[in-house]
PDB file of N, CA and C in Angstrom:
ATOM      1  N   MET A   1     -65.995 -11.900  -7.634  1.00  0.00           N
ATOM      2  CA  MET A   1     -65.636 -10.375  -7.242  1.00  0.00           C
ATOM      3  C   MET A   1     -64.983 -10.293  -5.802  1.00  0.00           C
ATOM      4  N   GLU A   2     -65.827 -11.000  -5.073  1.00  0.00           N
ATOM      5  CA  GLU A   2     -65.410 -10.737  -3.633  1.00  0.00           C
ATOM      6  C   GLU A   2     -64.001 -11.400  -3.508  1.00  0.00           C
ATOM      7  N   PHE A   3     -63.649 -12.314  -4.064  1.00  0.00           N
ATOM      8  CA  PHE A   3     -62.427 -12.936  -4.145  1.00  0.00           C
ATOM      9  C   PHE A   3     -61.347 -11.947  -4.516  1.00  0.00           C
ATOM     10  N   LEU A   4     -61.678 -11.127  -5.556  1.00  0.00           N
ATOM     11  CA  LEU A   4     -60.634 -10.133  -6.064  1.00  0.00           C
ATOM     12  C   LEU A   4     -60.407  -9.227  -4.919  1.00  0.00           C
ATOM     13  N   ASN A   5     -61.600  -8.739  -4.140  1.00  0.00           N
ATOM     14  CA  ASN A   5     -61.188  -7.954  -3.042  1.00  0.00           C
ATOM     15  C   ASN A   5     -60.339  -8.410  -2.089  1.00  0.00           C
ATOM     16  N   TYR A   6     -60.079  -9.670  -1.900  1.00  0.00           N
ATOM     17  CA  TYR A   6     -59.184 -10.295  -0.979  1.00  0.00           C
ATOM     18  C   TYR A   6     -57.690 -10.185  -1.511  1.00  0.00           C
ATOM     19  N   ILE A   7     -57.844 -10.623  -2.817  1.00  0.00           N
ATOM     20  CA  ILE A   7     -56.656 -11.071  -3.473  1.00  0.00           C
ATOM     21  C   ILE A   7     -55.878  -9.684  -3.839  1.00  0.00           C
ATOM     22  N   LEU A   8     -56.461  -8.743  -4.418  1.00  0.00           N
ATOM     23  CA  LEU A   8     -55.928  -7.477  -4.766  1.00  0.00           C
ATOM     24  C   LEU A   8     -55.022  -6.718  -3.704  1.00  0.00           C
ATOM     25  N   PRO A   9     -55.568  -6.493  -2.523  1.00  0.00           N
ATOM     26  CA  PRO A   9     -54.636  -5.886  -1.616  1.00  0.00           C
ATOM     27  C   PRO A   9     -53.396  -6.702  -1.300  1.00  0.00           C
ATOM     28  N   PHE A  10     -53.583  -8.053  -1.289  1.00  0.00           N
ATOM     29  CA  PHE A  10     -52.263  -8.947  -0.988  1.00  0.00           C
ATOM     30  C   PHE A  10     -51.312  -8.884  -2.111  1.00  0.00           C
ATOM     31  N   SER A  11     -51.900  -8.964  -3.294  1.00  0.00           N
ATOM     32  CA  SER A  11     -51.047  -9.083  -4.565  1.00  0.00           C
ATOM     33  C   SER A  11     -50.099  -7.806  -4.681  1.00  0.00           C
ATOM     34  N   VAL A  12     -51.201  -6.459  -4.320  1.00  0.00           N
ATOM     35  CA  VAL A  12     -50.413  -5.135  -4.419  1.00  0.00           C
ATOM     36  C   VAL A  12     -49.204  -5.099  -3.310  1.00  0.00           C
ATOM     37  N   SER A  13     -49.452  -5.641  -1.902  1.00  0.00           N
ATOM     38  CA  SER A  13     -48.485  -5.568  -1.113  1.00  0.00           C
ATOM     39  C   SER A  13     -47.389  -6.500  -1.523  1.00  0.00           C
ATOM     40  N   LEU A  14     -47.529  -7.643  -2.069  1.00  0.00           N
ATOM     41  CA  LEU A  14     -46.483  -8.581  -2.607  1.00  0.00           C
ATOM     42  C   LEU A  14     -45.584  -7.912  -3.543  1.00  0.00           C
ATOM     43  N   ILE A  15     -46.205  -7.208  -4.610  1.00  0.00           N
ATOM     44  CA  ILE A  15     -45.485  -6.440  -5.600  1.00  0.00           C
ATOM     45  C   ILE A  15     -44.622  -5.390  -5.044  1.00  0.00           C
ATOM     46  N   THR A  16     -45.324  -4.603  -4.079  1.00  0.00           N
ATOM     47  CA  THR A  16     -44.498  -3.447  -3.330  1.00  0.00           C
ATOM     48  C   THR A  16     -43.343  -4.251  -2.622  1.00  0.00           C
ATOM     49  N   LEU A  17     -43.525  -5.329  -2.177  1.00  0.00           N
ATOM     50  CA  LEU A  17     -42.478  -5.850  -1.217  1.00  0.00           C
ATOM     51  C   LEU A  17     -41.316  -6.384  -2.074  1.00  0.00           C
ATOM     52  N   ILE A  18     -41.666  -6.802  -3.292  1.00  0.00           N
ATOM     53  CA  ILE A  18     -40.553  -7.293  -4.252  1.00  0.00           C
ATOM     54  C   ILE A  18     -39.934  -6.170  -4.686  1.00  0.00           C
ATOM     55  N   VAL A  19     -40.456  -5.128  -5.149  1.00  0.00           N
ATOM     56  CA  VAL A  19     -40.001  -3.974  -5.842  1.00  0.00           C
ATOM     57  C   VAL A  19     -38.996  -3.267  -4.847  1.00  0.00           C
ATOM     58  N   GLY A  20     -39.506  -3.034  -3.510  1.00  0.00           N
ATOM     59  CA  GLY A  20     -38.729  -2.481  -2.433  1.00  0.00           C
ATOM     60  C   GLY A  20     -37.484  -3.278  -2.110  1.00  0.00           C
ATOM     61  N   TRP A  21     -37.644  -4.620  -1.927  1.00  0.00           N
ATOM     62  CA  TRP A  21     -36.574  -5.364  -1.790  1.00  0.00           C
ATOM     63  C   TRP A  21     -35.419  -5.409  -2.902  1.00  0.00           C
ATOM     64  N   MET A  22     -35.969  -5.297  -4.288  1.00  0.00           N
ATOM     65  CA  MET A  22     -34.731  -5.155  -5.334  1.00  0.00           C
ATOM     66  C   MET A  22     -34.210  -3.717  -5.101  1.00  0.00           C
ATOM     67  N   GLY A  23     -34.983  -2.820  -5.042  1.00  0.00           N
ATOM     68  CA  GLY A  23     -34.261  -1.412  -4.929  1.00  0.00           C
ATOM     69  C   GLY A  23     -33.409  -1.481  -3.610  1.00  0.00           C
ATOM     70  N   GLY A  24     -33.805  -2.082  -2.484  1.00  0.00           N
ATOM     71  CA  GLY A  24     -32.872  -2.095  -1.551  1.00  0.00           C
ATOM     72  C   GLY A  24     -31.750  -2.784  -1.608  1.00  0.00           C
ATOM     73  N   ARG A  25     -31.520  -3.938  -2.341  1.00  0.00           N
ATOM     74  CA  ARG A  25     -30.424  -4.845  -2.826  1.00  0.00           C
ATOM     75  C   ARG A  25     -29.541  -3.887  -3.513  1.00  0.00           C
ATOM     76  N   ARG A  26     -30.074  -3.319  -4.419  1.00  0.00           N
ATOM     77  CA  ARG A  26     -29.052  -2.200  -5.455  1.00  0.00           C
ATOM     78  C   ARG A  26     -28.549  -1.173  -4.738  1.00  0.00           C
ATOM     79  N   LYS A  27     -29.420  -0.558  -3.680  1.00  0.00           N
ATOM     80  CA  LYS A  27     -28.847   0.514  -2.857  1.00  0.00           C
ATOM     81  C   LYS A  27     -27.655  -0.139  -1.756  1.00  0.00           C
ATOM     82  N   SER A  28     -27.944  -1.267  -1.197  1.00  0.00           N
ATOM     83  CA  SER A  28     -26.926  -1.917  -0.540  1.00  0.00           C
ATOM     84  C   SER A  28     -25.563  -2.240  -1.145  1.00  0.00           C
ATOM     85  N   ALA A  29     -25.802  -2.750  -2.362  1.00  0.00           N
ATOM     86  CA  ALA A  29     -24.699  -3.159  -3.263  1.00  0.00           C
ATOM     87  C   ALA A  29     -23.940  -1.893  -3.467  1.00  0.00           C
ATOM     88  N   ALA A  30     -24.494  -0.633  -3.817  1.00  0.00           N
ATOM     89  CA  ALA A  30     -23.861   0.455  -3.866  1.00  0.00           C
ATOM     90  C   ALA A  30     -23.161   1.076  -2.874  1.00  0.00           C
ATOM     91  N   GLU A  31     -23.687   0.782  -1.630  1.00  0.00           N
ATOM     92  CA  GLU A  31     -23.107   1.344  -0.535  1.00  0.00           C
ATOM     93  C   GLU A  31     -21.893   0.373  -0.228  1.00  0.00           C
ATOM     94  N   VAL A  32     -21.893  -0.827  -0.346  1.00  0.00           N
ATOM     95  CA  VAL A  32     -20.812  -1.733  -0.193  1.00  0.00           C
ATOM     96  C   VAL A  32     -19.556  -1.300  -1.052  1.00  0.00           C
ATOM     97  N   GLU A  33     -19.839  -0.919  -2.264  1.00  0.00           N
ATOM     98  CA  GLU A  33     -18.906  -0.473  -3.433  1.00  0.00           C
ATOM     99  C   GLU A  33     -18.148   0.688  -2.823  1.00  0.00           C
ATOM    100  N   ILE A  34     -18.950   1.748  -2.369  1.00  0.00           N
ATOM    101  CA  ILE A  34     -18.395   2.957  -1.717  1.00  0.00           C
ATOM    102  C   ILE A  34     -17.677   2.622  -0.578  1.00  0.00           C
ATOM    103  N   ILE A  35     -17.974   1.637   0.418  1.00  0.00           N
ATOM    104  CA  ILE A  35     -17.237   1.489   1.474  1.00  0.00           C
ATOM    105  C   ILE A  35     -15.799   0.750   1.139  1.00  0.00           C
ATOM    106  N   LYS A  36     -15.851  -0.136   0.128  1.00  0.00           N
ATOM    107  CA  LYS A  36     -14.870  -0.896  -0.539  1.00  0.00           C
ATOM    108  C   LYS A  36     -13.703   0.260  -1.004  1.00  0.00           C
ATOM    109  N   SER A  37     -14.238   1.033  -1.874  1.00  0.00           N
ATOM    110  CA  SER A  37     -13.391   2.075  -2.418  1.00  0.00           C
ATOM    111  C   SER A  37     -12.916   2.950  -1.321  1.00  0.00           C
ATOM    112  N   ASP A  38     -13.482   3.244  -0.273  1.00  0.00           N
ATOM    113  CA  ASP A  38     -13.073   4.046   0.881  1.00  0.00           C
ATOM    114  C   ASP A  38     -11.869   3.354   1.543  1.00  0.00           C
ATOM    115  N   HIS A  39     -11.979   2.156   1.683  1.00  0.00           N
ATOM    116  CA  HIS A  39     -11.035   1.393   2.580  1.00  0.00           C
ATOM    117  C   HIS A  39      -9.894   1.189   1.548  1.00  0.00           C
ATOM    118  N   ALA A  40      -9.970   0.938   0.269  1.00  0.00           N
ATOM    119  CA  ALA A  40      -8.929   0.866  -0.582  1.00  0.00           C
ATOM    120  C   ALA A  40      -8.021   2.176  -0.424  1.00  0.00           C
ATOM    121  N   GLU A  41      -8.632   3.194  -0.579  1.00  0.00           N
ATOM    122  CA  GLU A  41      -8.051   4.519  -0.490  1.00  0.00           C
ATOM    123  C   GLU A  41      -7.422   4.824   0.634  1.00  0.00           C
ATOM    124  N   LYS A  42      -7.857   4.504   1.792  1.00  0.00           N
ATOM    125  CA  LYS A  42      -7.251   4.618   3.118  1.00  0.00           C
ATOM    126  C   LYS A  42      -6.047   3.571   3.305  1.00  0.00           C
ATOM    127  N   LEU A  43      -6.295   2.410   2.646  1.00  0.00           N
ATOM    128  CA  LEU A  43      -5.060   1.426   2.730  1.00  0.00           C
ATOM    129  C   LEU A  43      -3.936   1.970   1.916  1.00  0.00           C
ATOM    130  N   LEU A  44      -4.156   2.520   0.685  1.00  0.00           N
ATOM    131  CA  LEU A  44      -3.092   3.162   0.051  1.00  0.00           C
ATOM    132  C   LEU A  44      -2.368   4.273   0.642  1.00  0.00           C
ATOM    133  N   GLN A  45      -3.227   5.160   1.456  1.00  0.00           N
ATOM    134  CA  GLN A  45      -2.632   6.203   2.242  1.00  0.00           C
ATOM    135  C   GLN A  45      -1.786   5.649   3.463  1.00  0.00           C
ATOM    136  N   LEU A  46      -2.283   4.649   3.961  1.00  0.00           N
ATOM    137  CA  LEU A  46      -1.428   4.025   5.091  1.00  0.00           C
ATOM    138  C   LEU A  46       0.003   3.445   4.419  1.00  0.00           C
ATOM    139  N   ASN A  47      -0.117   2.776   3.389  1.00  0.00           N
ATOM    140  CA  ASN A  47       0.980   2.018   2.933  1.00  0.00           C
ATOM    141  C   ASN A  47       1.778   3.118   2.540  1.00  0.00           C
ATOM    142  N   ASP A  48       1.567   4.318   2.060  1.00  0.00           N
ATOM    143  CA  ASP A  48       2.549   5.332   1.807  1.00  0.00           C
ATOM    144  C   ASP A  48       2.947   5.806   3.025  1.00  0.00           C
ATOM    145  N   GLN A  49       2.248   6.126   4.027  1.00  0.00           N
ATOM    146  CA  GLN A  49       2.647   6.802   5.137  1.00  0.00           C
ATOM    147  C   GLN A  49       3.608   5.925   6.019  1.00  0.00           C
ATOM    148  N   TYR A  50       3.335   4.686   6.105  1.00  0.00           N
ATOM    149  CA  TYR A  50       4.053   3.649   7.130  1.00  0.00           C
ATOM    150  C   TYR A  50       5.040   2.832   6.241  1.00  0.00           C
ATOM    151  N   LEU A  51       5.011   2.819   5.145  1.00  0.00           N
ATOM    152  CA  LEU A  51       5.901   1.634   4.413  1.00  0.00           C
ATOM    153  C   LEU A  51       6.641   2.454   3.167  1.00  0.00           C
ATOM    154  N   ILE A  52       6.021   3.082   2.414  1.00  0.00           N
ATOM    155  CA  ILE A  52       6.795   3.480   1.217  1.00  0.00           C
ATOM    156  C   ILE A  52       7.589   4.740   1.708  1.00  0.00           C
ATOM    157  N   ALA A  53       7.135   5.705   2.380  1.00  0.00           N
ATOM    158  CA  ALA A  53       7.787   6.935   2.778  1.00  0.00           C
ATOM    159  C   ALA A  53       9.165   6.626   3.626  1.00  0.00           C
ATOM    160  N   PRO A  54       9.006   5.746   4.813  1.00  0.00           N
ATOM    161  CA  PRO A  54      10.066   5.395   5.435  1.00  0.00           C
ATOM    162  C   PRO A  54      11.131   4.657   4.533  1.00  0.00           C
ATOM    163  N   LEU A  55      10.640   3.484   3.885  1.00  0.00           N
ATOM    164  CA  LEU A  55      11.604   2.875   2.980  1.00  0.00           C
ATOM    165  C   LEU A  55      12.344   3.808   1.850  1.00  0.00           C
ATOM    166  N   THR A  56      11.651   4.539   1.458  1.00  0.00           N
ATOM    167  CA  THR A  56      12.372   5.634   0.517  1.00  0.00           C
ATOM    168  C   THR A  56      13.313   6.465   1.305  1.00  0.00           C
ATOM    169  N   LYS A  57      13.015   7.005   2.435  1.00  0.00           N
ATOM    170  CA  LYS A  57      14.073   7.603   3.104  1.00  0.00           C
ATOM    171  C   LYS A  57      15.357   6.572   3.451  1.00  0.00           C
ATOM    172  N   ARG A  58      14.991   5.549   3.770  1.00  0.00           N
ATOM    173  CA  ARG A  58      16.061   4.725   4.266  1.00  0.00           C
ATOM    174  C   ARG A  58      17.012   4.260   2.797  1.00  0.00           C
ATOM    175  N   ILE A  59      16.325   4.226   1.675  1.00  0.00           N
ATOM    176  CA  ILE A  59      16.950   3.960   0.442  1.00  0.00           C
ATOM    177  C   ILE A  59      17.932   5.191   0.213  1.00  0.00           C
ATOM    178  N   ASP A  60      17.357   6.483   0.314  1.00  0.00           N
ATOM    179  CA  ASP A  60      18.269   7.681   0.121  1.00  0.00           C
ATOM    180  C   ASP A  60      19.448   7.561   1.065  1.00  0.00           C
ATOM    181  N   ILE A  61      19.326   7.161   2.211  1.00  0.00           N
ATOM    182  CA  ILE A  61      20.306   7.105   3.270  1.00  0.00           C
ATOM    183  C   ILE A  61      21.445   6.194   2.692  1.00  0.00           C
ATOM    184  N   LEU A  62      20.908   5.014   2.489  1.00  0.00           N
ATOM    185  CA  LEU A  62      21.810   3.884   1.828  1.00  0.00           C
ATOM    186  C   LEU A  62      22.559   4.375   0.600  1.00  0.00           C
ATOM    187  N   SER A  63      21.768   5.075  -0.155  1.00  0.00           N
ATOM    188  CA  SER A  63      22.614   5.517  -1.512  1.00  0.00           C
ATOM    189  C   SER A  63      23.619   6.486  -1.248  1.00  0.00           C
ATOM    190  N   HIS A  64      23.363   7.250  -0.254  1.00  0.00           N
ATOM    191  CA  HIS A  64      24.282   8.399   0.111  1.00  0.00           C
ATOM    192  C   HIS A  64      25.578   7.447   0.798  1.00  0.00           C
ATOM    193  N   LYS A  65      25.307   6.600   1.404  1.00  0.00           N
ATOM    194  CA  LYS A  65      26.404   5.749   2.018  1.00  0.00           C
ATOM    195  C   LYS A  65      27.281   5.132   0.980  1.00  0.00           C
ATOM    196  N   ILE A  66      26.561   4.447   0.109  1.00  0.00           N
ATOM    197  CA  ILE A  66      27.216   3.698  -0.970  1.00  0.00           C
ATOM    198  C   ILE A  66      27.917   4.708  -1.827  1.00  0.00           C
ATOM    199  N   GLN A  67      27.593   6.037  -2.071  1.00  0.00           N
ATOM    200  CA  GLN A  67      28.382   6.936  -2.888  1.00  0.00           C
ATOM    201  C   GLN A  67      29.671   7.188  -1.959  1.00  0.00           C
ATOM    202  N   ARG A  68      29.488   7.252  -0.620  1.00  0.00           N
ATOM    203  CA  ARG A  68      30.718   7.595   0.048  1.00  0.00           C
ATOM    204  C   ARG A  68      31.609   6.467   0.029  1.00  0.00           C
ATOM    205  N   LEU A  69      31.199   5.286   0.018  1.00  0.00           N
ATOM    206  CA  LEU A  69      31.994   4.104  -0.135  1.00  0.00           C
ATOM    207  C   LEU A  69      32.845   4.069  -1.409  1.00  0.00           C
ATOM    208  N   GLU A  70      31.923   4.218  -2.437  1.00  0.00           N
ATOM    209  CA  GLU A  70      32.720   4.253  -3.686  1.00  0.00           C
ATOM    210  C   GLU A  70      33.771   5.314  -3.959  1.00  0.00           C
ATOM    211  N   GLN A  71      33.507   6.612  -3.260  1.00  0.00           N
ATOM    212  CA  GLN A  71      34.562   7.413  -3.218  1.00  0.00           C
ATOM    213  C   GLN A  71      35.807   7.009  -2.409  1.00  0.00           C
ATOM    214  N   ALA A  72      35.520   6.452  -1.340  1.00  0.00           N
ATOM    215  CA  ALA A  72      36.825   5.829  -0.545  1.00  0.00           C
ATOM    216  C   ALA A  72      37.203   4.878  -1.331  1.00  0.00           C
ATOM    217  N   ILE A  73      36.843   3.894  -1.916  1.00  0.00           N
ATOM    218  CA  ILE A  73      37.365   2.969  -2.698  1.00  0.00           C
ATOM    219  C   ILE A  73      38.154   3.491  -3.891  1.00  0.00           C
ATOM    220  N   SER A  74      37.677   4.628  -4.538  1.00  0.00           N
ATOM    221  CA  SER A  74      38.424   5.163  -5.528  1.00  0.00           C
ATOM    222  C   SER A  74      39.766   5.751  -5.233  1.00  0.00           C
ATOM    223  N   ARG A  75      39.815   6.133  -4.039  1.00  0.00           N
ATOM    224  CA  ARG A  75      40.871   6.859  -3.371  1.00  0.00           C
ATOM    225  C   ARG A  75      41.922   5.817  -2.959  1.00  0.00           C
ATOM    226  N   ILE A  76      41.924   4.615  -2.828  1.00  0.00           N
ATOM    227  CA  ILE A  76      42.645   3.688  -2.531  1.00  0.00           C
ATOM    228  C   ILE A  76      43.981   3.674  -3.157  1.00  0.00           C
ATOM    229  N   SER A  77      43.851   3.952  -4.587  1.00  0.00           N
ATOM    230  CA  SER A  77      45.152   3.962  -5.478  1.00  0.00           C
ATOM    231  C   SER A  77      45.856   5.303  -5.237  1.00  0.00           C
ATOM    232  N   ASP A  78      45.192   6.235  -4.676  1.00  0.00           N
ATOM    233  CA  ASP A  78      45.903   7.608  -4.615  1.00  0.00           C
ATOM    234  C   ASP A  78      46.567   7.509  -3.040  1.00  0.00           C
ATOM    235  N   CYS A  79      46.371   6.445  -2.396  1.00  0.00           N
ATOM    236  CA  CYS A  79      46.882   6.601  -1.106  1.00  0.00           C
ATOM    237  C   CYS A  79      48.634   6.480  -1.043  1.00  0.00           C
ATOM    238  N   ASN A  80      49.094   7.430  -0.413  1.00  0.00           N
ATOM    239  CA  ASN A  80      50.757   7.430  -0.355  1.00  0.00           C
ATOM    240  C   ASN A  80      51.187   5.972   0.435  1.00  0.00           C
ATOM    241  N   GLU A  81      50.489   5.620   1.402  1.00  0.00           N
ATOM    242  CA  GLU A  81      51.064   4.486   2.108  1.00  0.00           C
ATOM    243  C   GLU A  81      50.394   3.270   1.523  1.00  0.00           C
ATOM    244  N   LYS A  82      51.028   2.565   0.673  1.00  0.00           N
ATOM    245  CA  LYS A  82      50.207   1.485   0.042  1.00  0.00           C
ATOM    246  C   LYS A  82      49.948   0.304   0.869  1.00  0.00           C
ATOM    247  N   GLU A  83      50.841   0.010   1.914  1.00  0.00           N
ATOM    248  CA  GLU A  83      50.735  -1.162   2.887  1.00  0.00           C
ATOM    249  C   GLU A  83      49.803  -0.736   3.843  1.00  0.00           C
ATOM    250  N   ASN A  84      50.072   0.447   4.462  1.00  0.00           N
ATOM    251  CA  ASN A  84      49.260   1.008   5.627  1.00  0.00           C
ATOM    252  C   ASN A  84      48.104   1.785   5.220  1.00  0.00           C
ATOM    253  N   CYS A  85      47.500   1.911   4.049  1.00  0.00           N
ATOM    254  CA  CYS A  85      46.371   2.582   3.855  1.00  0.00           C
ATOM    255  C   CYS A  85      45.227   2.564   4.671  1.00  0.00           C
ATOM    256  N   PRO A  86      44.746   3.498   5.434  1.00  0.00           N
ATOM    257  CA  PRO A  86      43.579   3.227   6.385  1.00  0.00           C
ATOM    258  C   PRO A  86      42.407   2.674   5.629  1.00  0.00           C
ATOM    259  N   VAL A  87      42.001   3.012   4.386  1.00  0.00           N
ATOM    260  CA  VAL A  87      41.055   2.718   3.738  1.00  0.00           C
ATOM    261  C   VAL A  87      41.020   1.371   3.369  1.00  0.00           C
ATOM    262  N   LYS A  88      42.235   1.032   2.852  1.00  0.00           N
ATOM    263  CA  LYS A  88      42.406  -0.684   2.526  1.00  0.00           C
ATOM    264  C   LYS A  88      42.457  -1.577   3.780  1.00  0.00           C
ATOM    265  N   SER A  89      42.894  -1.007   4.826  1.00  0.00           N
ATOM    266  CA  SER A  89      43.031  -1.931   6.106  1.00  0.00           C
ATOM    267  C   SER A  89      41.544  -2.092   6.550  1.00  0.00           C
ATOM    268  N   GLU A  90      40.753  -0.920   6.436  1.00  0.00           N
ATOM    269  CA  GLU A  90      39.402  -0.926   6.816  1.00  0.00           C
ATOM    270  C   GLU A  90      38.515  -1.879   6.136  1.00  0.00           C
ATOM    271  N   LEU A  91      38.796  -1.954   4.690  1.00  0.00           N
ATOM    272  CA  LEU A  91      38.067  -2.803   3.872  1.00  0.00           C
ATOM    273  C   LEU A  91      38.414  -4.153   3.906  1.00  0.00           C
ATOM    274  N   LYS A  92      39.722  -4.586   4.464  1.00  0.00           N
ATOM    275  CA  LYS A  92      40.173  -5.897   4.872  1.00  0.00           C
ATOM    276  C   LYS A  92      39.400  -6.250   5.973  1.00  0.00           C
ATOM    277  N   LYS A  93      39.244  -5.528   6.976  1.00  0.00           N
ATOM    278  CA  LYS A  93      38.598  -5.745   8.219  1.00  0.00           C
ATOM    279  C   LYS A  93      37.275  -6.164   7.892  1.00  0.00           C
ATOM    280  N   GLN A  94      36.434  -5.474   7.170  1.00  0.00           N
ATOM    281  CA  GLN A  94      35.046  -5.634   6.733  1.00  0.00           C
ATOM    282  C   GLN A  94      35.045  -7.103   6.016  1.00  0.00           C
ATOM    283  N   LYS A  95      35.959  -7.350   5.110  1.00  0.00           N
ATOM    284  CA  LYS A  95      35.997  -8.398   4.369  1.00  0.00           C
ATOM    285  C   LYS A  95      36.080  -9.804   5.154  1.00  0.00           C
ATOM    286  N   LYS A  96      36.815  -9.506   6.290  1.00  0.00           N
ATOM    287  CA  LYS A  96      37.181 -10.706   7.274  1.00  0.00           C
ATOM    288  C   LYS A  96      35.626 -10.935   7.910  1.00  0.00           C
ATOM    289  N   LEU A  97      35.067 -10.118   8.403  1.00  0.00           N
ATOM    290  CA  LEU A  97      33.542 -10.285   9.127  1.00  0.00           C
ATOM    291  C   LEU A  97      32.784 -10.828   8.180  1.00  0.00           C
TER     292      LEU A  97
END
């Protein structure tokens, strides 16, 4: 009986320690997942802000320039000066470079 009085508090403490440790592990794992999701969300925002938005703007500018170039190329046949056409000569200069 006396042996039980020594063992019982120790075993209760040990069980409490194990249950607390397991609960703490689950809580820590949940906190890590929350932190990971926050970081992923911030990373997506930064990608949009510093990569996607500037590249989209640059693509729009380049698309506009391509449209202007296509219009200039389509006007070559309408040029009155076949040999001295400014568009044709500019395109030849670009081709040489």
